[in-house]
Amino acid sequence: MDESKRDLFAERPTAIVAAEGWPFVAPLVAATALGFAFAPFWLVSVVGALTLFVVAFFRNPQRTIPGDEATVVSPADGRVLCVDEIEAPDGSGAKNLRIGIFLSVFDVHVNRAP
């Protein structure tokens, strides 16, 4: 890969909301906006709070990779629950390393390449 393409991928800006979240976010934003014109305030408040929760759930913050090439970086936010070996799903009997990461509703739900 030439140097210009490498720089393009290294400095890729991220969207504020993950692409998979837009089908959930867009209707809620529209409902909140329409609610200001036609619905009672209490209903707009509930839908607006739900909208903010869904946007926070699907947020996609910019990340900088810390350390050098020898640093191990997690692909997701959250808490590592287990690191163990499992049998390969193809039935070959080979062992694979599994790392289980728990994501609460307050963690960023975007998995990146480790």
PDB file of N, CA and C in Angstrom:
ATOM      1  N   MET A   1       0.851  -1.167   0.000  1.00  0.00           N
ATOM      2  CA  MET A   1       0.000   0.000   0.000  1.00  0.00           C
ATOM      3  C   MET A   1       0.901   1.235   0.000  1.00  0.00           C
ATOM      4  N   ASP A   2       0.602   2.179  -0.892  1.00  0.00           N
ATOM      5  CA  ASP A   2       1.447   3.370  -0.939  1.00  0.00           C
ATOM      6  C   ASP A   2       1.160   4.293   0.254  1.00  0.00           C
ATOM      7  N   GLU A   3       2.046   5.236   0.483  1.00  0.00           N
ATOM      8  CA  GLU A   3       2.013   6.083   1.677  1.00  0.00           C
ATOM      9  C   GLU A   3       0.737   6.928   1.768  1.00  0.00           C
ATOM     10  N   SER A   4       0.221   7.430   0.642  1.00  0.00           N
ATOM     11  CA  SER A   4      -0.967   8.288   0.685  1.00  0.00           C
ATOM     12  C   SER A   4      -2.197   7.503   1.145  1.00  0.00           C
ATOM     13  N   LYS A   5      -2.326   6.246   0.706  1.00  0.00           N
ATOM     14  CA  LYS A   5      -3.455   5.439   1.143  1.00  0.00           C
ATOM     15  C   LYS A   5      -3.317   5.060   2.613  1.00  0.00           C
ATOM     16  N   ARG A   6      -2.122   4.783   3.066  1.00  0.00           N
ATOM     17  CA  ARG A   6      -1.907   4.435   4.466  1.00  0.00           C
ATOM     18  C   ARG A   6      -2.312   5.599   5.361  1.00  0.00           C
ATOM     19  N   ASP A   7      -1.959   6.835   4.984  1.00  0.00           N
ATOM     20  CA  ASP A   7      -2.337   8.006   5.770  1.00  0.00           C
ATOM     21  C   ASP A   7      -3.851   8.207   5.772  1.00  0.00           C
ATOM     22  N   LEU A   8      -4.507   7.911   4.665  1.00  0.00           N
ATOM     23  CA  LEU A   8      -5.950   8.054   4.574  1.00  0.00           C
ATOM     24  C   LEU A   8      -6.643   7.135   5.567  1.00  0.00           C
ATOM     25  N   PHE A   9      -6.187   5.880   5.676  1.00  0.00           N
ATOM     26  CA  PHE A   9      -6.799   4.937   6.598  1.00  0.00           C
ATOM     27  C   PHE A   9      -6.427   5.240   8.048  1.00  0.00           C
ATOM     28  N   ALA A  10      -5.227   5.728   8.289  1.00  0.00           N
ATOM     29  CA  ALA A  10      -4.778   6.007   9.652  1.00  0.00           C
ATOM     30  C   ALA A  10      -5.531   7.190  10.258  1.00  0.00           C
ATOM     31  N   GLU A  11      -5.944   8.154   9.452  1.00  0.00           N
ATOM     32  CA  GLU A  11      -6.591   9.352   9.964  1.00  0.00           C
ATOM     33  C   GLU A  11      -8.064   9.414   9.582  1.00  0.00           C
ATOM     34  N   ARG A  12      -8.697   8.253   9.416  1.00  0.00           N
ATOM     35  CA  ARG A  12     -10.105   8.207   9.030  1.00  0.00           C
ATOM     36  C   ARG A  12     -10.969   8.799  10.131  1.00  0.00           C
ATOM     37  N   PRO A  13     -11.709   9.853   9.840  1.00  0.00           N
ATOM     38  CA  PRO A  13     -12.609  10.387  10.859  1.00  0.00           C
ATOM     39  C   PRO A  13     -13.799   9.443  11.051  1.00  0.00           C
ATOM     40  N   THR A  14     -14.306   9.394  12.258  1.00  0.00           N
ATOM     41  CA  THR A  14     -15.454   8.542  12.516  1.00  0.00           C
ATOM     42  C   THR A  14     -16.715   9.380  12.576  1.00  0.00           C
ATOM     43  N   ALA A  15     -17.829   8.756  12.253  1.00  0.00           N
ATOM     44  CA  ALA A  15     -19.114   9.440  12.357  1.00  0.00           C
ATOM     45  C   ALA A  15     -19.491   9.537  13.829  1.00  0.00           C
ATOM     46  N   ILE A  16     -20.314  10.490  14.162  1.00  0.00           N
ATOM     47  CA  ILE A  16     -20.741  10.675  15.551  1.00  0.00           C
ATOM     48  C   ILE A  16     -21.563   9.478  16.019  1.00  0.00           C
ATOM     49  N   VAL A  17     -22.397   8.957  15.129  1.00  0.00           N
ATOM     50  CA  VAL A  17     -23.236   7.792  15.425  1.00  0.00           C
ATOM     51  C   VAL A  17     -22.844   6.674  14.463  1.00  0.00           C
ATOM     52  N   ALA A  18     -22.714   5.448  14.982  1.00  0.00           N
ATOM     53  CA  ALA A  18     -22.382   4.299  14.139  1.00  0.00           C
ATOM     54  C   ALA A  18     -23.481   4.099  13.095  1.00  0.00           C
ATOM     55  N   ALA A  19     -23.089   3.667  11.920  1.00  0.00           N
ATOM     56  CA  ALA A  19     -24.033   3.497  10.808  1.00  0.00           C
ATOM     57  C   ALA A  19     -25.191   2.564  11.170  1.00  0.00           C
ATOM     58  N   GLU A  20     -24.923   1.539  11.965  1.00  0.00           N
ATOM     59  CA  GLU A  20     -25.962   0.588  12.346  1.00  0.00           C
ATOM     60  C   GLU A  20     -27.005   1.205  13.273  1.00  0.00           C
ATOM     61  N   GLY A  21     -26.702   2.344  13.850  1.00  0.00           N
ATOM     62  CA  GLY A  21     -27.627   2.995  14.767  1.00  0.00           C
ATOM     63  C   GLY A  21     -28.641   3.911  14.106  1.00  0.00           C
ATOM     64  N   TRP A  22     -28.361   4.339  12.885  1.00  0.00           N
ATOM     65  CA  TRP A  22     -29.256   5.304  12.232  1.00  0.00           C
ATOM     66  C   TRP A  22     -30.690   4.819  12.052  1.00  0.00           C
ATOM     67  N   PRO A  23     -30.952   3.541  11.762  1.00  0.00           N
ATOM     68  CA  PRO A  23     -32.361   3.108  11.674  1.00  0.00           C
ATOM     69  C   PRO A  23     -33.133   3.281  12.981  1.00  0.00           C
ATOM     70  N   PHE A  24     -32.427   3.340  14.105  1.00  0.00           N
ATOM     71  CA  PHE A  24     -33.068   3.554  15.398  1.00  0.00           C
ATOM     72  C   PHE A  24     -33.102   5.034  15.758  1.00  0.00           C
ATOM     73  N   VAL A  25     -32.038   5.756  15.423  1.00  0.00           N
ATOM     74  CA  VAL A  25     -31.908   7.161  15.805  1.00  0.00           C
ATOM     75  C   VAL A  25     -32.816   8.059  14.965  1.00  0.00           C
ATOM     76  N   ALA A  26     -32.826   7.880  13.655  1.00  0.00           N
ATOM     77  CA  ALA A  26     -33.562   8.788  12.762  1.00  0.00           C
ATOM     78  C   ALA A  26     -35.061   8.867  13.077  1.00  0.00           C
ATOM     79  N   PRO A  27     -35.766   7.733  13.246  1.00  0.00           N
ATOM     80  CA  PRO A  27     -37.201   7.864  13.569  1.00  0.00           C
ATOM     81  C   PRO A  27     -37.457   8.542  14.919  1.00  0.00           C
ATOM     82  N   LEU A  28     -36.563   8.298  15.885  1.00  0.00           N
ATOM     83  CA  LEU A  28     -36.749   8.937  17.186  1.00  0.00           C
ATOM     84  C   LEU A  28     -36.502  10.444  17.115  1.00  0.00           C
ATOM     85  N   VAL A  29     -35.517  10.856  16.323  1.00  0.00           N
ATOM     86  CA  VAL A  29     -35.270  12.294  16.135  1.00  0.00           C
ATOM     87  C   VAL A  29     -36.479  12.934  15.455  1.00  0.00           C
ATOM     88  N   ALA A  30     -37.027  12.264  14.436  1.00  0.00           N
ATOM     89  CA  ALA A  30     -38.210  12.788  13.734  1.00  0.00           C
ATOM     90  C   ALA A  30     -39.408  12.862  14.674  1.00  0.00           C
ATOM     91  N   ALA A  31     -39.601  11.818  15.487  1.00  0.00           N
ATOM     92  CA  ALA A  31     -40.727  11.815  16.424  1.00  0.00           C
ATOM     93  C   ALA A  31     -40.583  12.930  17.467  1.00  0.00           C
ATOM     94  N   THR A  32     -39.363  13.159  17.927  1.00  0.00           N
ATOM     95  CA  THR A  32     -39.131  14.234  18.896  1.00  0.00           C
ATOM     96  C   THR A  32     -39.409  15.592  18.258  1.00  0.00           C
ATOM     97  N   ALA A  33     -38.944  15.781  17.033  1.00  0.00           N
ATOM     98  CA  ALA A  33     -39.168  17.064  16.342  1.00  0.00           C
ATOM     99  C   ALA A  33     -40.656  17.298  16.087  1.00  0.00           C
ATOM    100  N   LEU A  34     -41.358  16.268  15.625  1.00  0.00           N
ATOM    101  CA  LEU A  34     -42.798  16.406  15.394  1.00  0.00           C
ATOM    102  C   LEU A  34     -43.543  16.603  16.712  1.00  0.00           C
ATOM    103  N   GLY A  35     -43.056  15.977  17.756  1.00  0.00           N
ATOM    104  CA  GLY A  35     -43.702  16.102  19.057  1.00  0.00           C
ATOM    105  C   GLY A  35     -43.720  17.520  19.577  1.00  0.00           C
ATOM    106  N   PHE A  36     -42.680  18.292  19.286  1.00  0.00           N
ATOM    107  CA  PHE A  36     -42.651  19.686  19.725  1.00  0.00           C
ATOM    108  C   PHE A  36     -43.803  20.480  19.120  1.00  0.00           C
ATOM    109  N   ALA A  37     -44.243  20.088  17.926  1.00  0.00           N
ATOM    110  CA  ALA A  37     -45.324  20.825  17.274  1.00  0.00           C
ATOM    111  C   ALA A  37     -46.711  20.312  17.667  1.00  0.00           C
ATOM    112  N   PHE A  38     -46.835  19.004  17.932  1.00  0.00           N
ATOM    113  CA  PHE A  38     -48.182  18.439  18.061  1.00  0.00           C
ATOM    114  C   PHE A  38     -48.474  17.706  19.374  1.00  0.00           C
ATOM    115  N   ALA A  39     -47.484  17.344  20.149  1.00  0.00           N
ATOM    116  CA  ALA A  39     -47.710  16.495  21.319  1.00  0.00           C
ATOM    117  C   ALA A  39     -47.553  17.278  22.620  1.00  0.00           C
ATOM    118  N   PRO A  40     -48.121  16.759  23.691  1.00  0.00           N
ATOM    119  CA  PRO A  40     -47.924  17.412  24.993  1.00  0.00           C
ATOM    120  C   PRO A  40     -46.466  17.324  25.442  1.00  0.00           C
ATOM    121  N   PHE A  41     -46.082  18.255  26.287  1.00  0.00           N
ATOM    122  CA  PHE A  41     -44.681  18.354  26.702  1.00  0.00           C
ATOM    123  C   PHE A  41     -44.177  17.079  27.374  1.00  0.00           C
ATOM    124  N   TRP A  42     -44.993  16.449  28.199  1.00  0.00           N
ATOM    125  CA  TRP A  42     -44.537  15.251  28.913  1.00  0.00           C
ATOM    126  C   TRP A  42     -44.185  14.137  27.931  1.00  0.00           C
ATOM    127  N   LEU A  43     -44.951  14.009  26.846  1.00  0.00           N
ATOM    128  CA  LEU A  43     -44.686  12.970  25.855  1.00  0.00           C
ATOM    129  C   LEU A  43     -43.413  13.294  25.064  1.00  0.00           C
ATOM    130  N   VAL A  44     -43.233  14.562  24.721  1.00  0.00           N
ATOM    131  CA  VAL A  44     -42.014  14.990  24.027  1.00  0.00           C
ATOM    132  C   VAL A  44     -40.797  14.747  24.916  1.00  0.00           C
ATOM    133  N   SER A  45     -40.947  14.976  26.209  1.00  0.00           N
ATOM    134  CA  SER A  45     -39.842  14.737  27.143  1.00  0.00           C
ATOM    135  C   SER A  45     -39.447  13.270  27.183  1.00  0.00           C
ATOM    136  N   VAL A  46     -40.427  12.381  27.205  1.00  0.00           N
ATOM    137  CA  VAL A  46     -40.149  10.937  27.240  1.00  0.00           C
ATOM    138  C   VAL A  46     -39.477  10.496  25.947  1.00  0.00           C
ATOM    139  N   VAL A  47     -40.023  10.907  24.814  1.00  0.00           N
ATOM    140  CA  VAL A  47     -39.442  10.526  23.519  1.00  0.00           C
ATOM    141  C   VAL A  47     -38.062  11.171  23.351  1.00  0.00           C
ATOM    142  N   GLY A  48     -37.900  12.393  23.801  1.00  0.00           N
ATOM    143  CA  GLY A  48     -36.591  13.056  23.724  1.00  0.00           C
ATOM    144  C   GLY A  48     -35.552  12.354  24.575  1.00  0.00           C
ATOM    145  N   ALA A  49     -35.930  11.923  25.773  1.00  0.00           N
ATOM    146  CA  ALA A  49     -35.008  11.187  26.644  1.00  0.00           C
ATOM    147  C   ALA A  49     -34.626   9.855  26.000  1.00  0.00           C
ATOM    148  N   LEU A  50     -35.582   9.169  25.404  1.00  0.00           N
ATOM    149  CA  LEU A  50     -35.301   7.910  24.700  1.00  0.00           C
ATOM    150  C   LEU A  50     -34.364   8.155  23.523  1.00  0.00           C
ATOM    151  N   THR A  51     -34.580   9.248  22.817  1.00  0.00           N
ATOM    152  CA  THR A  51     -33.712   9.612  21.696  1.00  0.00           C
ATOM    153  C   THR A  51     -32.279   9.828  22.164  1.00  0.00           C
ATOM    154  N   LEU A  52     -32.103  10.562  23.241  1.00  0.00           N
ATOM    155  CA  LEU A  52     -30.765  10.801  23.780  1.00  0.00           C
ATOM    156  C   LEU A  52     -30.101   9.501  24.226  1.00  0.00           C
ATOM    157  N   PHE A  53     -30.860   8.604  24.836  1.00  0.00           N
ATOM    158  CA  PHE A  53     -30.310   7.311  25.258  1.00  0.00           C
ATOM    159  C   PHE A  53     -29.834   6.499  24.057  1.00  0.00           C
ATOM    160  N   VAL A  54     -30.636   6.448  22.993  1.00  0.00           N
ATOM    161  CA  VAL A  54     -30.275   5.667  21.803  1.00  0.00           C
ATOM    162  C   VAL A  54     -29.063   6.286  21.107  1.00  0.00           C
ATOM    163  N   VAL A  55     -28.988   7.599  21.027  1.00  0.00           N
ATOM    164  CA  VAL A  55     -27.823   8.263  20.432  1.00  0.00           C
ATOM    165  C   VAL A  55     -26.571   7.959  21.258  1.00  0.00           C
ATOM    166  N   ALA A  56     -26.690   8.000  22.582  1.00  0.00           N
ATOM    167  CA  ALA A  56     -25.543   7.679  23.444  1.00  0.00           C
ATOM    168  C   ALA A  56     -25.129   6.221  23.293  1.00  0.00           C
ATOM    169  N   PHE A  57     -26.098   5.324  23.103  1.00  0.00           N
ATOM    170  CA  PHE A  57     -25.811   3.899  22.953  1.00  0.00           C
ATOM    171  C   PHE A  57     -25.023   3.634  21.669  1.00  0.00           C
ATOM    172  N   PHE A  58     -25.378   4.308  20.586  1.00  0.00           N
ATOM    173  CA  PHE A  58     -24.735   4.085  19.290  1.00  0.00           C
ATOM    174  C   PHE A  58     -23.635   5.105  18.978  1.00  0.00           C
ATOM    175  N   ARG A  59     -23.175   5.854  19.974  1.00  0.00           N
ATOM    176  CA  ARG A  59     -22.123   6.847  19.720  1.00  0.00           C
ATOM    177  C   ARG A  59     -20.854   6.144  19.233  1.00  0.00           C
ATOM    178  N   ASN A  60     -20.066   6.895  18.475  1.00  0.00           N
ATOM    179  CA  ASN A  60     -18.851   6.343  17.865  1.00  0.00           C
ATOM    180  C   ASN A  60     -17.728   7.365  17.997  1.00  0.00           C
ATOM    181  N   PRO A  61     -17.115   7.465  19.185  1.00  0.00           N
ATOM    182  CA  PRO A  61     -16.086   8.486  19.383  1.00  0.00           C
ATOM    183  C   PRO A  61     -14.791   8.177  18.645  1.00  0.00           C
ATOM    184  N   GLN A  62     -14.065   9.225  18.328  1.00  0.00           N
ATOM    185  CA  GLN A  62     -12.744   9.081  17.705  1.00  0.00           C
ATOM    186  C   GLN A  62     -11.801   8.462  18.725  1.00  0.00           C
ATOM    187  N   ARG A  63     -11.009   7.502  18.321  1.00  0.00           N
ATOM    188  CA  ARG A  63     -10.057   6.843  19.220  1.00  0.00           C
ATOM    189  C   ARG A  63      -8.642   6.987  18.678  1.00  0.00           C
ATOM    190  N   THR A  64      -7.703   7.182  19.576  1.00  0.00           N
ATOM    191  CA  THR A  64      -6.287   7.145  19.210  1.00  0.00           C
ATOM    192  C   THR A  64      -5.712   5.865  19.789  1.00  0.00           C
ATOM    193  N   ILE A  65      -4.924   5.169  19.004  1.00  0.00           N
ATOM    194  CA  ILE A  65      -4.341   3.917  19.451  1.00  0.00           C
ATOM    195  C   ILE A  65      -3.112   4.233  20.294  1.00  0.00           C
ATOM    196  N   PRO A  66      -3.132   3.823  21.574  1.00  0.00           N
ATOM    197  CA  PRO A  66      -1.995   4.136  22.450  1.00  0.00           C
ATOM    198  C   PRO A  66      -0.838   3.167  22.249  1.00  0.00           C
ATOM    199  N   GLY A  67       0.342   3.609  22.641  1.00  0.00           N
ATOM    200  CA  GLY A  67       1.486   2.707  22.663  1.00  0.00           C
ATOM    201  C   GLY A  67       2.168   2.522  21.322  1.00  0.00           C
ATOM    202  N   ASP A  68       2.945   1.450  21.256  1.00  0.00           N
ATOM    203  CA  ASP A  68       3.694   1.136  20.050  1.00  0.00           C
ATOM    204  C   ASP A  68       3.176  -0.164  19.440  1.00  0.00           C
ATOM    205  N   GLU A  69       3.936  -0.754  18.541  1.00  0.00           N
ATOM    206  CA  GLU A  69       3.494  -1.969  17.852  1.00  0.00           C
ATOM    207  C   GLU A  69       3.372  -3.171  18.784  1.00  0.00           C
ATOM    208  N   ALA A  70       4.019  -3.147  19.933  1.00  0.00           N
ATOM    209  CA  ALA A  70       3.969  -4.268  20.863  1.00  0.00           C
ATOM    210  C   ALA A  70       2.817  -4.144  21.865  1.00  0.00           C
ATOM    211  N   THR A  71       2.082  -3.041  21.847  1.00  0.00           N
ATOM    212  CA  THR A  71       0.987  -2.818  22.781  1.00  0.00           C
ATOM    213  C   THR A  71      -0.237  -3.602  22.338  1.00  0.00           C
ATOM    214  N   VAL A  72      -0.898  -4.269  23.288  1.00  0.00           N
ATOM    215  CA  VAL A  72      -2.142  -4.986  23.011  1.00  0.00           C
ATOM    216  C   VAL A  72      -3.296  -4.034  23.274  1.00  0.00           C
ATOM    217  N   VAL A  73      -4.177  -3.852  22.292  1.00  0.00           N
ATOM    218  CA  VAL A  73      -5.292  -2.923  22.399  1.00  0.00           C
ATOM    219  C   VAL A  73      -6.597  -3.697  22.234  1.00  0.00           C
ATOM    220  N   SER A  74      -7.531  -3.454  23.120  1.00  0.00           N
ATOM    221  CA  SER A  74      -8.824  -4.119  23.068  1.00  0.00           C
ATOM    222  C   SER A  74      -9.636  -3.604  21.878  1.00  0.00           C
ATOM    223  N   PRO A  75     -10.418  -4.473  21.228  1.00  0.00           N
ATOM    224  CA  PRO A  75     -11.257  -4.026  20.117  1.00  0.00           C
ATOM    225  C   PRO A  75     -12.542  -3.340  20.571  1.00  0.00           C
ATOM    226  N   ALA A  76     -12.830  -3.379  21.881  1.00  0.00           N
ATOM    227  CA  ALA A  76     -14.082  -2.812  22.378  1.00  0.00           C
ATOM    228  C   ALA A  76     -13.878  -2.220  23.766  1.00  0.00           C
ATOM    229  N   ASP A  77     -14.765  -1.283  24.128  1.00  0.00           N
ATOM    230  CA  ASP A  77     -14.807  -0.794  25.500  1.00  0.00           C
ATOM    231  C   ASP A  77     -15.433  -1.887  26.358  1.00  0.00           C
ATOM    232  N   GLY A  78     -15.399  -1.724  27.646  1.00  0.00           N
ATOM    233  CA  GLY A  78     -16.038  -2.703  28.520  1.00  0.00           C
ATOM    234  C   GLY A  78     -15.056  -3.376  29.441  1.00  0.00           C
ATOM    235  N   ARG A  79     -15.473  -4.512  29.982  1.00  0.00           N
ATOM    236  CA  ARG A  79     -14.680  -5.248  30.953  1.00  0.00           C
ATOM    237  C   ARG A  79     -14.410  -6.658  30.439  1.00  0.00           C
ATOM    238  N   VAL A  80     -13.152  -7.064  30.474  1.00  0.00           N
ATOM    239  CA  VAL A  80     -12.783  -8.415  30.044  1.00  0.00           C
ATOM    240  C   VAL A  80     -13.279  -9.385  31.104  1.00  0.00           C
ATOM    241  N   LEU A  81     -14.136 -10.324  30.682  1.00  0.00           N
ATOM    242  CA  LEU A  81     -14.696 -11.300  31.618  1.00  0.00           C
ATOM    243  C   LEU A  81     -13.925 -12.608  31.631  1.00  0.00           C
ATOM    244  N   CYS A  82     -13.468 -13.036  30.460  1.00  0.00           N
ATOM    245  CA  CYS A  82     -12.764 -14.311  30.421  1.00  0.00           C
ATOM    246  C   CYS A  82     -11.759 -14.330  29.271  1.00  0.00           C
ATOM    247  N   VAL A  83     -10.698 -15.076  29.498  1.00  0.00           N
ATOM    248  CA  VAL A  83      -9.714 -15.368  28.462  1.00  0.00           C
ATOM    249  C   VAL A  83      -9.481 -16.867  28.576  1.00  0.00           C
ATOM    250  N   ASP A  84      -9.912 -17.616  27.568  1.00  0.00           N
ATOM    251  CA  ASP A  84      -9.759 -19.067  27.632  1.00  0.00           C
ATOM    252  C   ASP A  84      -9.603 -19.655  26.240  1.00  0.00           C
ATOM    253  N   GLU A  85      -9.318 -20.946  26.208  1.00  0.00           N
ATOM    254  CA  GLU A  85      -9.197 -21.652  24.933  1.00  0.00           C
ATOM    255  C   GLU A  85     -10.474 -22.441  24.684  1.00  0.00           C
ATOM    256  N   ILE A  86     -10.918 -22.426  23.420  1.00  0.00           N
ATOM    257  CA  ILE A  86     -12.077 -23.211  23.028  1.00  0.00           C
ATOM    258  C   ILE A  86     -11.714 -24.027  21.798  1.00  0.00           C
ATOM    259  N   GLU A  87     -12.511 -25.047  21.539  1.00  0.00           N
ATOM    260  CA  GLU A  87     -12.288 -25.861  20.352  1.00  0.00           C
ATOM    261  C   GLU A  87     -12.793 -25.111  19.128  1.00  0.00           C
ATOM    262  N   ALA A  88     -12.061 -25.230  18.018  1.00  0.00           N
ATOM    263  CA  ALA A  88     -12.434 -24.532  16.780  1.00  0.00           C
ATOM    264  C   ALA A  88     -13.817 -24.995  16.325  1.00  0.00           C
ATOM    265  N   PRO A  89     -14.635 -24.078  15.824  1.00  0.00           N
ATOM    266  CA  PRO A  89     -15.991 -24.438  15.409  1.00  0.00           C
ATOM    267  C   PRO A  89     -16.052 -25.327  14.163  1.00  0.00           C
ATOM    268  N   ASP A  90     -14.944 -25.439  13.435  1.00  0.00           N
ATOM    269  CA  ASP A  90     -14.958 -26.267  12.221  1.00  0.00           C
ATOM    270  C   ASP A  90     -14.807 -27.758  12.514  1.00  0.00           C
ATOM    271  N   GLY A  91     -14.654 -28.127  13.797  1.00  0.00           N
ATOM    272  CA  GLY A  91     -14.557 -29.532  14.170  1.00  0.00           C
ATOM    273  C   GLY A  91     -13.188 -30.143  13.961  1.00  0.00           C
ATOM    274  N   SER A  92     -12.176 -29.346  13.678  1.00  0.00           N
ATOM    275  CA  SER A  92     -10.831 -29.864  13.410  1.00  0.00           C
ATOM    276  C   SER A  92     -10.096 -30.253  14.688  1.00  0.00           C
ATOM    277  N   GLY A  93     -10.609 -29.864  15.842  1.00  0.00           N
ATOM    278  CA  GLY A  93      -9.954 -30.158  17.105  1.00  0.00           C
ATOM    279  C   GLY A  93      -8.910 -29.132  17.490  1.00  0.00           C
ATOM    280  N   ALA A  94      -8.693 -28.140  16.634  1.00  0.00           N
ATOM    281  CA  ALA A  94      -7.720 -27.081  16.940  1.00  0.00           C
ATOM    282  C   ALA A  94      -8.259 -26.210  18.068  1.00  0.00           C
ATOM    283  N   LYS A  95      -7.350 -25.590  18.798  1.00  0.00           N
ATOM    284  CA  LYS A  95      -7.730 -24.706  19.901  1.00  0.00           C
ATOM    285  C   LYS A  95      -7.645 -23.260  19.442  1.00  0.00           C
ATOM    286  N   ASN A  96      -8.639 -22.463  19.826  1.00  0.00           N
ATOM    287  CA  ASN A  96      -8.663 -21.031  19.553  1.00  0.00           C
ATOM    288  C   ASN A  96      -8.714 -20.268  20.870  1.00  0.00           C
ATOM    289  N   LEU A  97      -8.166 -19.067  20.874  1.00  0.00           N
ATOM    290  CA  LEU A  97      -8.210 -18.210  22.051  1.00  0.00           C
ATOM    291  C   LEU A  97      -9.484 -17.371  21.995  1.00  0.00           C
ATOM    292  N   ARG A  98     -10.238 -17.373  23.089  1.00  0.00           N
ATOM    293  CA  ARG A  98     -11.462 -16.574  23.166  1.00  0.00           C
ATOM    294  C   ARG A  98     -11.288 -15.543  24.277  1.00  0.00           C
ATOM    295  N   ILE A  99     -11.613 -14.296  23.949  1.00  0.00           N
ATOM    296  CA  ILE A  99     -11.583 -13.216  24.932  1.00  0.00           C
ATOM    297  C   ILE A  99     -12.995 -12.657  25.003  1.00  0.00           C
ATOM    298  N   GLY A 100     -13.641 -12.803  26.153  1.00  0.00           N
ATOM    299  CA  GLY A 100     -15.008 -12.320  26.338  1.00  0.00           C
ATOM    300  C   GLY A 100     -15.007 -10.946  26.968  1.00  0.00           C
ATOM    301  N   ILE A 101     -15.667  -9.980  26.320  1.00  0.00           N
ATOM    302  CA  ILE A 101     -15.736  -8.606  26.814  1.00  0.00           C
ATOM    303  C   ILE A 101     -17.199  -8.255  27.057  1.00  0.00           C
ATOM    304  N   PHE A 102     -17.521  -7.832  28.284  1.00  0.00           N
ATOM    305  CA  PHE A 102     -18.877  -7.421  28.626  1.00  0.00           C
ATOM    306  C   PHE A 102     -19.029  -5.928  28.372  1.00  0.00           C
ATOM    307  N   LEU A 103     -20.068  -5.550  27.621  1.00  0.00           N
ATOM    308  CA  LEU A 103     -20.370  -4.140  27.364  1.00  0.00           C
ATOM    309  C   LEU A 103     -21.661  -3.780  28.081  1.00  0.00           C
ATOM    310  N   SER A 104     -21.600  -2.835  28.996  1.00  0.00           N
ATOM    311  CA  SER A 104     -22.827  -2.359  29.633  1.00  0.00           C
ATOM    312  C   SER A 104     -23.490  -1.364  28.680  1.00  0.00           C
ATOM    313  N   VAL A 105     -24.677  -0.913  29.040  1.00  0.00           N
ATOM    314  CA  VAL A 105     -25.375   0.055  28.182  1.00  0.00           C
ATOM    315  C   VAL A 105     -24.659   1.394  28.144  1.00  0.00           C
ATOM    316  N   PHE A 106     -23.718   1.628  29.066  1.00  0.00           N
ATOM    317  CA  PHE A 106     -22.986   2.888  29.101  1.00  0.00           C
ATOM    318  C   PHE A 106     -21.684   2.838  28.306  1.00  0.00           C
ATOM    319  N   ASP A 107     -21.272   1.654  27.856  1.00  0.00           N
ATOM    320  CA  ASP A 107     -20.058   1.513  27.054  1.00  0.00           C
ATOM    321  C   ASP A 107     -20.358   1.790  25.581  1.00  0.00           C
ATOM    322  N   VAL A 108     -19.312   2.153  24.837  1.00  0.00           N
ATOM    323  CA  VAL A 108     -19.442   2.361  23.390  1.00  0.00           C
ATOM    324  C   VAL A 108     -19.603   0.998  22.731  1.00  0.00           C
ATOM    325  N   HIS A 109     -20.671   0.814  21.959  1.00  0.00           N
ATOM    326  CA  HIS A 109     -20.976  -0.471  21.332  1.00  0.00           C
ATOM    327  C   HIS A 109     -20.464  -0.531  19.895  1.00  0.00           C
ATOM    328  N   VAL A 110     -19.212  -0.156  19.709  1.00  0.00           N
ATOM    329  CA  VAL A 110     -18.556  -0.246  18.406  1.00  0.00           C
ATOM    330  C   VAL A 110     -17.332  -1.127  18.609  1.00  0.00           C
ATOM    331  N   ASN A 111     -17.230  -2.190  17.830  1.00  0.00           N
ATOM    332  CA  ASN A 111     -16.048  -3.059  17.896  1.00  0.00           C
ATOM    333  C   ASN A 111     -15.125  -2.684  16.771  1.00  0.00           C
ATOM    334  N   ARG A 112     -13.861  -2.492  17.131  1.00  0.00           N
ATOM    335  CA  ARG A 112     -12.850  -2.124  16.154  1.00  0.00           C
ATOM    336  C   ARG A 112     -11.860  -3.280  16.018  1.00  0.00           C
ATOM    337  N   ALA A 113     -11.063  -3.270  14.978  1.00  0.00           N
ATOM    338  CA  ALA A 113     -10.030  -4.305  14.814  1.00  0.00           C
ATOM    339  C   ALA A 113      -8.993  -4.118  15.909  1.00  0.00           C
ATOM    340  N   PRO A 114      -8.602  -5.189  16.597  1.00  0.00           N
ATOM    341  CA  PRO A 114      -7.619  -5.037  17.677  1.00  0.00           C
ATOM    342  C   PRO A 114      -6.255  -4.689  17.149  1.00  0.00           C
TER     343      PRO A 114
END
